[in-house]
Amino acid sequence: MVIPPPVRPPRIMQYLKPYVLKMHFTNKYLSAQVVHIPTATVASAASSQEKALRLCMESTRDMAAAAKIGKLLGERLLFKDIPAVAVHLKREQKYHGKVKAVIDSLREAGIKLL
């Protein structure tokens, strides 16, 4: 069953950030995705589970893997003409370690953070 996103008035939509970066870390893998909030769809995603990435990484869960995922996600966003994203951190996530590596490599790829 697909639940449609809530309908919001245009005035509220002016102030919402349309693209939001969300990250998820497990003990084995890292993943990051950019969600388009008005349509509730994934605009772009990158994960260390992808076959092409696993072959060129030593470990799928360290900071080097996080930096590669951020760089790949940045390239995919620029390919889709998405120049800026907002960052959504969970309560337990701090701007440190893997989170910092993903965000810094997104910046280096040319993505603006709101």
N, C-alpha and C. Protein backbone atom coordinates (compact mmCIF):
# COMPACT_ATOMS: atom_id res chain seq x y z
N MET A 1 0.84 -1.18 0.00
CA MET A 1 0.00 0.00 0.00
C MET A 1 0.89 1.25 0.00
N VAL A 2 0.63 2.14 -0.91
CA VAL A 2 1.41 3.36 -1.02
C VAL A 2 0.64 4.50 -0.37
N ILE A 3 1.29 5.18 0.57
CA ILE A 3 0.66 6.30 1.26
C ILE A 3 1.15 7.58 0.59
N PRO A 4 0.24 8.39 0.04
CA PRO A 4 0.68 9.63 -0.61
C PRO A 4 1.19 10.64 0.41
N PRO A 5 2.10 11.51 -0.01
CA PRO A 5 2.62 12.52 0.91
C PRO A 5 1.52 13.51 1.28
N PRO A 6 1.61 14.16 2.44
CA PRO A 6 0.57 15.12 2.83
C PRO A 6 0.57 16.33 1.91
N VAL A 7 -0.61 16.84 1.67
CA VAL A 7 -0.75 18.04 0.83
C VAL A 7 -0.54 19.25 1.72
N ARG A 8 0.42 20.08 1.34
CA ARG A 8 0.74 21.26 2.12
C ARG A 8 0.42 22.50 1.30
N PRO A 9 -0.02 23.57 1.95
CA PRO A 9 -0.29 24.81 1.22
C PRO A 9 0.98 25.37 0.59
N PRO A 10 0.86 26.11 -0.52
CA PRO A 10 2.04 26.64 -1.21
C PRO A 10 2.89 27.56 -0.32
N ARG A 11 2.25 28.26 0.60
CA ARG A 11 3.01 29.18 1.46
C ARG A 11 3.99 28.40 2.35
N ILE A 12 3.58 27.25 2.85
CA ILE A 12 4.47 26.42 3.66
C ILE A 12 5.56 25.82 2.79
N MET A 13 5.23 25.45 1.57
CA MET A 13 6.20 24.81 0.66
C MET A 13 7.35 25.76 0.31
N GLN A 14 7.14 27.08 0.39
CA GLN A 14 8.21 28.03 0.11
C GLN A 14 9.35 27.89 1.11
N TYR A 15 9.03 27.56 2.35
CA TYR A 15 10.02 27.56 3.42
C TYR A 15 10.62 26.18 3.69
N LEU A 16 10.06 25.14 3.10
CA LEU A 16 10.62 23.81 3.31
C LEU A 16 11.80 23.58 2.38
N LYS A 17 12.76 22.85 2.84
CA LYS A 17 13.90 22.49 2.00
C LYS A 17 13.47 21.32 1.13
N PRO A 18 13.59 21.44 -0.19
CA PRO A 18 13.05 20.36 -1.04
C PRO A 18 13.87 19.08 -1.01
N TYR A 19 15.19 19.15 -0.90
CA TYR A 19 16.03 17.95 -0.92
C TYR A 19 16.75 17.80 0.42
N VAL A 20 16.64 16.63 1.03
CA VAL A 20 17.23 16.39 2.34
C VAL A 20 18.13 15.16 2.27
N LEU A 21 19.35 15.28 2.81
CA LEU A 21 20.30 14.18 2.88
C LEU A 21 20.07 13.38 4.16
N LYS A 22 19.90 12.07 4.01
CA LYS A 22 19.74 11.19 5.17
C LYS A 22 20.79 10.09 5.07
N MET A 23 21.41 9.78 6.22
CA MET A 23 22.46 8.77 6.25
C MET A 23 22.09 7.65 7.21
N HIS A 24 22.53 6.45 6.86
CA HIS A 24 22.29 5.29 7.72
C HIS A 24 23.56 4.46 7.79
N PHE A 25 23.96 4.11 9.01
CA PHE A 25 25.19 3.35 9.22
C PHE A 25 24.86 2.06 9.96
N THR A 26 25.34 0.93 9.44
CA THR A 26 25.22 -0.33 10.15
C THR A 26 26.63 -0.80 10.51
N ASN A 27 26.73 -1.96 11.13
CA ASN A 27 28.06 -2.47 11.48
C ASN A 27 28.84 -2.92 10.26
N LYS A 28 28.14 -3.20 9.16
CA LYS A 28 28.80 -3.69 7.95
C LYS A 28 28.85 -2.67 6.82
N TYR A 29 27.80 -1.85 6.67
CA TYR A 29 27.67 -0.99 5.49
C TYR A 29 27.28 0.44 5.87
N LEU A 30 27.47 1.33 4.90
CA LEU A 30 27.06 2.73 5.02
C LEU A 30 26.15 3.05 3.84
N SER A 31 25.15 3.89 4.05
CA SER A 31 24.33 4.32 2.94
C SER A 31 23.89 5.76 3.17
N ALA A 32 23.73 6.48 2.08
CA ALA A 32 23.26 7.86 2.13
C ALA A 32 22.29 8.06 0.97
N GLN A 33 21.24 8.80 1.24
CA GLN A 33 20.28 9.06 0.18
C GLN A 33 19.76 10.49 0.31
N VAL A 34 19.36 11.05 -0.83
CA VAL A 34 18.77 12.37 -0.86
C VAL A 34 17.31 12.20 -1.22
N VAL A 35 16.43 12.70 -0.35
CA VAL A 35 15.00 12.53 -0.52
C VAL A 35 14.38 13.85 -0.95
N HIS A 36 13.50 13.79 -1.96
CA HIS A 36 12.73 14.96 -2.38
C HIS A 36 11.48 14.99 -1.52
N ILE A 37 11.42 15.95 -0.60
CA ILE A 37 10.38 15.97 0.43
C ILE A 37 8.96 16.17 -0.13
N PRO A 38 8.72 17.10 -1.08
CA PRO A 38 7.33 17.28 -1.55
C PRO A 38 6.72 16.03 -2.17
N THR A 39 7.52 15.22 -2.86
CA THR A 39 6.96 14.01 -3.48
C THR A 39 7.29 12.75 -2.70
N ALA A 40 8.09 12.86 -1.66
CA ALA A 40 8.50 11.73 -0.81
C ALA A 40 9.14 10.62 -1.63
N THR A 41 10.03 11.00 -2.56
CA THR A 41 10.75 10.01 -3.37
C THR A 41 12.25 10.20 -3.18
N VAL A 42 12.99 9.15 -3.46
CA VAL A 42 14.45 9.21 -3.35
C VAL A 42 15.00 9.79 -4.65
N ALA A 43 15.69 10.93 -4.55
CA ALA A 43 16.25 11.58 -5.73
C ALA A 43 17.54 10.89 -6.16
N SER A 44 18.35 10.51 -5.19
CA SER A 44 19.61 9.84 -5.48
C SER A 44 20.08 9.12 -4.22
N ALA A 45 20.86 8.05 -4.43
CA ALA A 45 21.35 7.28 -3.29
C ALA A 45 22.70 6.66 -3.62
N ALA A 46 23.46 6.38 -2.58
CA ALA A 46 24.74 5.67 -2.72
C ALA A 46 24.92 4.81 -1.48
N SER A 47 25.49 3.64 -1.68
CA SER A 47 25.68 2.72 -0.57
C SER A 47 26.97 1.93 -0.77
N SER A 48 27.54 1.47 0.32
CA SER A 48 28.74 0.64 0.22
C SER A 48 28.38 -0.80 -0.14
N GLN A 49 27.10 -1.09 -0.30
CA GLN A 49 26.67 -2.43 -0.73
C GLN A 49 26.71 -2.58 -2.25
N GLU A 50 26.86 -1.47 -2.97
CA GLU A 50 26.90 -1.54 -4.43
C GLU A 50 28.13 -2.33 -4.87
N LYS A 51 27.90 -3.16 -5.86
CA LYS A 51 28.96 -4.07 -6.30
C LYS A 51 30.19 -3.33 -6.83
N ALA A 52 29.96 -2.26 -7.58
CA ALA A 52 31.08 -1.50 -8.15
C ALA A 52 31.93 -0.86 -7.06
N LEU A 53 31.31 -0.42 -5.99
CA LEU A 53 32.06 0.21 -4.90
C LEU A 53 32.78 -0.81 -4.02
N ARG A 54 32.15 -1.95 -3.78
CA ARG A 54 32.76 -2.96 -2.91
C ARG A 54 34.09 -3.45 -3.45
N LEU A 55 34.21 -3.51 -4.77
CA LEU A 55 35.44 -4.02 -5.37
C LEU A 55 36.63 -3.08 -5.16
N CYS A 56 36.37 -1.76 -5.08
CA CYS A 56 37.48 -0.81 -4.97
C CYS A 56 37.70 -0.31 -3.55
N MET A 57 36.98 -0.86 -2.56
CA MET A 57 37.16 -0.45 -1.17
C MET A 57 37.77 -1.58 -0.35
N GLU A 58 38.65 -1.22 0.56
CA GLU A 58 39.21 -2.21 1.47
C GLU A 58 38.17 -2.63 2.50
N SER A 59 37.50 -1.64 3.09
CA SER A 59 36.47 -1.90 4.09
C SER A 59 35.21 -1.14 3.69
N THR A 60 34.05 -1.72 3.97
CA THR A 60 32.78 -1.08 3.58
C THR A 60 32.19 -0.26 4.71
N ARG A 61 32.93 -0.06 5.80
CA ARG A 61 32.32 0.64 6.93
C ARG A 61 33.20 1.71 7.58
N ASP A 62 34.37 2.00 7.03
CA ASP A 62 35.25 2.98 7.68
C ASP A 62 35.07 4.38 7.08
N MET A 63 35.90 5.32 7.53
CA MET A 63 35.76 6.71 7.08
C MET A 63 36.13 6.87 5.61
N ALA A 64 37.05 6.07 5.10
CA ALA A 64 37.41 6.15 3.68
C ALA A 64 36.21 5.74 2.82
N ALA A 65 35.49 4.72 3.26
CA ALA A 65 34.28 4.30 2.54
C ALA A 65 33.22 5.40 2.60
N ALA A 66 33.10 6.07 3.74
CA ALA A 66 32.14 7.16 3.87
C ALA A 66 32.49 8.31 2.92
N ALA A 67 33.77 8.60 2.78
CA ALA A 67 34.19 9.67 1.87
C ALA A 67 33.90 9.30 0.42
N LYS A 68 34.12 8.03 0.06
CA LYS A 68 33.83 7.61 -1.31
C LYS A 68 32.33 7.66 -1.60
N ILE A 69 31.52 7.30 -0.62
CA ILE A 69 30.07 7.35 -0.80
C ILE A 69 29.61 8.79 -0.97
N GLY A 70 30.16 9.71 -0.18
CA GLY A 70 29.81 11.12 -0.32
C GLY A 70 30.21 11.67 -1.68
N LYS A 71 31.38 11.29 -2.15
CA LYS A 71 31.84 11.76 -3.47
C LYS A 71 30.95 11.22 -4.58
N LEU A 72 30.61 9.93 -4.51
CA LEU A 72 29.75 9.32 -5.51
C LEU A 72 28.36 9.94 -5.50
N LEU A 73 27.82 10.18 -4.29
CA LEU A 73 26.51 10.79 -4.18
C LEU A 73 26.52 12.21 -4.74
N GLY A 74 27.60 12.95 -4.48
CA GLY A 74 27.73 14.30 -5.03
C GLY A 74 27.75 14.30 -6.54
N GLU A 75 28.47 13.36 -7.14
CA GLU A 75 28.51 13.27 -8.60
C GLU A 75 27.13 12.93 -9.16
N ARG A 76 26.42 12.03 -8.50
CA ARG A 76 25.07 11.66 -8.97
C ARG A 76 24.09 12.82 -8.84
N LEU A 77 24.23 13.61 -7.78
CA LEU A 77 23.35 14.77 -7.61
C LEU A 77 23.62 15.83 -8.67
N LEU A 78 24.90 16.08 -8.96
CA LEU A 78 25.23 17.06 -10.00
C LEU A 78 24.75 16.58 -11.37
N PHE A 79 24.79 15.27 -11.61
CA PHE A 79 24.30 14.71 -12.87
C PHE A 79 22.80 14.94 -13.01
N LYS A 80 22.07 14.92 -11.90
CA LYS A 80 20.62 15.15 -11.92
C LYS A 80 20.25 16.62 -11.73
N ASP A 81 21.23 17.52 -11.77
CA ASP A 81 21.03 18.97 -11.62
C ASP A 81 20.40 19.34 -10.27
N ILE A 82 20.91 18.75 -9.21
CA ILE A 82 20.49 19.11 -7.85
C ILE A 82 21.69 19.79 -7.19
N PRO A 83 21.70 21.13 -7.10
CA PRO A 83 22.89 21.83 -6.63
C PRO A 83 23.02 21.94 -5.11
N ALA A 84 21.90 21.78 -4.37
CA ALA A 84 21.95 22.00 -2.92
C ALA A 84 21.04 21.02 -2.19
N VAL A 85 21.48 20.62 -1.00
CA VAL A 85 20.67 19.73 -0.15
C VAL A 85 20.75 20.22 1.29
N ALA A 86 19.73 19.88 2.06
CA ALA A 86 19.75 20.13 3.50
C ALA A 86 20.17 18.82 4.17
N VAL A 87 20.79 18.90 5.32
CA VAL A 87 21.27 17.72 6.02
C VAL A 87 20.34 17.41 7.19
N HIS A 88 19.87 16.18 7.26
CA HIS A 88 19.03 15.75 8.37
C HIS A 88 19.79 14.71 9.18
N LEU A 89 20.19 15.07 10.39
CA LEU A 89 20.91 14.15 11.25
C LEU A 89 19.95 13.60 12.30
N LYS A 90 20.09 12.31 12.56
CA LYS A 90 19.29 11.71 13.63
C LYS A 90 19.80 12.22 14.97
N ARG A 91 19.04 11.96 16.00
CA ARG A 91 19.39 12.48 17.31
C ARG A 91 20.76 11.99 17.79
N GLU A 92 21.08 10.74 17.50
CA GLU A 92 22.35 10.18 17.98
C GLU A 92 23.53 10.50 17.06
N GLN A 93 23.27 11.07 15.88
CA GLN A 93 24.36 11.39 14.96
C GLN A 93 24.92 12.78 15.27
N LYS A 94 26.23 12.85 15.32
CA LYS A 94 26.91 14.13 15.51
C LYS A 94 27.79 14.39 14.29
N TYR A 95 28.15 15.64 14.07
CA TYR A 95 29.02 16.00 12.95
C TYR A 95 30.44 15.60 13.31
N HIS A 96 30.70 14.29 13.18
CA HIS A 96 31.98 13.74 13.59
C HIS A 96 32.16 12.40 12.90
N GLY A 97 33.37 12.05 12.57
CA GLY A 97 33.66 10.72 12.03
C GLY A 97 33.08 10.50 10.64
N LYS A 98 32.30 9.43 10.49
CA LYS A 98 31.75 9.06 9.18
C LYS A 98 30.78 10.10 8.66
N VAL A 99 29.98 10.69 9.54
CA VAL A 99 29.03 11.73 9.14
C VAL A 99 29.79 12.91 8.54
N LYS A 100 30.86 13.30 9.21
CA LYS A 100 31.68 14.41 8.72
C LYS A 100 32.34 14.06 7.39
N ALA A 101 32.79 12.82 7.23
CA ALA A 101 33.43 12.41 5.99
C ALA A 101 32.45 12.49 4.82
N VAL A 102 31.22 12.03 5.02
CA VAL A 102 30.21 12.09 3.95
C VAL A 102 29.90 13.53 3.59
N ILE A 103 29.66 14.37 4.60
CA ILE A 103 29.28 15.76 4.34
C ILE A 103 30.43 16.54 3.70
N ASP A 104 31.65 16.34 4.16
CA ASP A 104 32.80 17.05 3.58
C ASP A 104 33.05 16.64 2.14
N SER A 105 32.90 15.36 1.83
CA SER A 105 33.11 14.93 0.45
C SER A 105 31.99 15.40 -0.46
N LEU A 106 30.78 15.58 0.08
CA LEU A 106 29.70 16.19 -0.71
C LEU A 106 30.06 17.63 -1.05
N ARG A 107 30.59 18.36 -0.05
CA ARG A 107 31.00 19.74 -0.30
C ARG A 107 32.10 19.81 -1.36
N GLU A 108 33.06 18.90 -1.27
CA GLU A 108 34.16 18.89 -2.24
C GLU A 108 33.67 18.56 -3.64
N ALA A 109 32.59 17.78 -3.73
CA ALA A 109 32.03 17.44 -5.04
C ALA A 109 31.29 18.61 -5.68
N GLY A 110 31.01 19.66 -4.88
CA GLY A 110 30.36 20.85 -5.43
C GLY A 110 28.91 21.01 -5.02
N ILE A 111 28.46 20.24 -4.04
CA ILE A 111 27.08 20.36 -3.57
C ILE A 111 27.04 21.39 -2.44
N LYS A 112 26.06 22.28 -2.50
CA LYS A 112 25.90 23.29 -1.47
C LYS A 112 25.03 22.69 -0.36
N LEU A 113 25.38 22.94 0.88
CA LEU A 113 24.60 22.44 2.00
C LEU A 113 23.81 23.60 2.61
N LEU A 114 22.53 23.36 2.81
CA LEU A 114 21.66 24.40 3.37
C LEU A 114 21.50 24.23 4.86
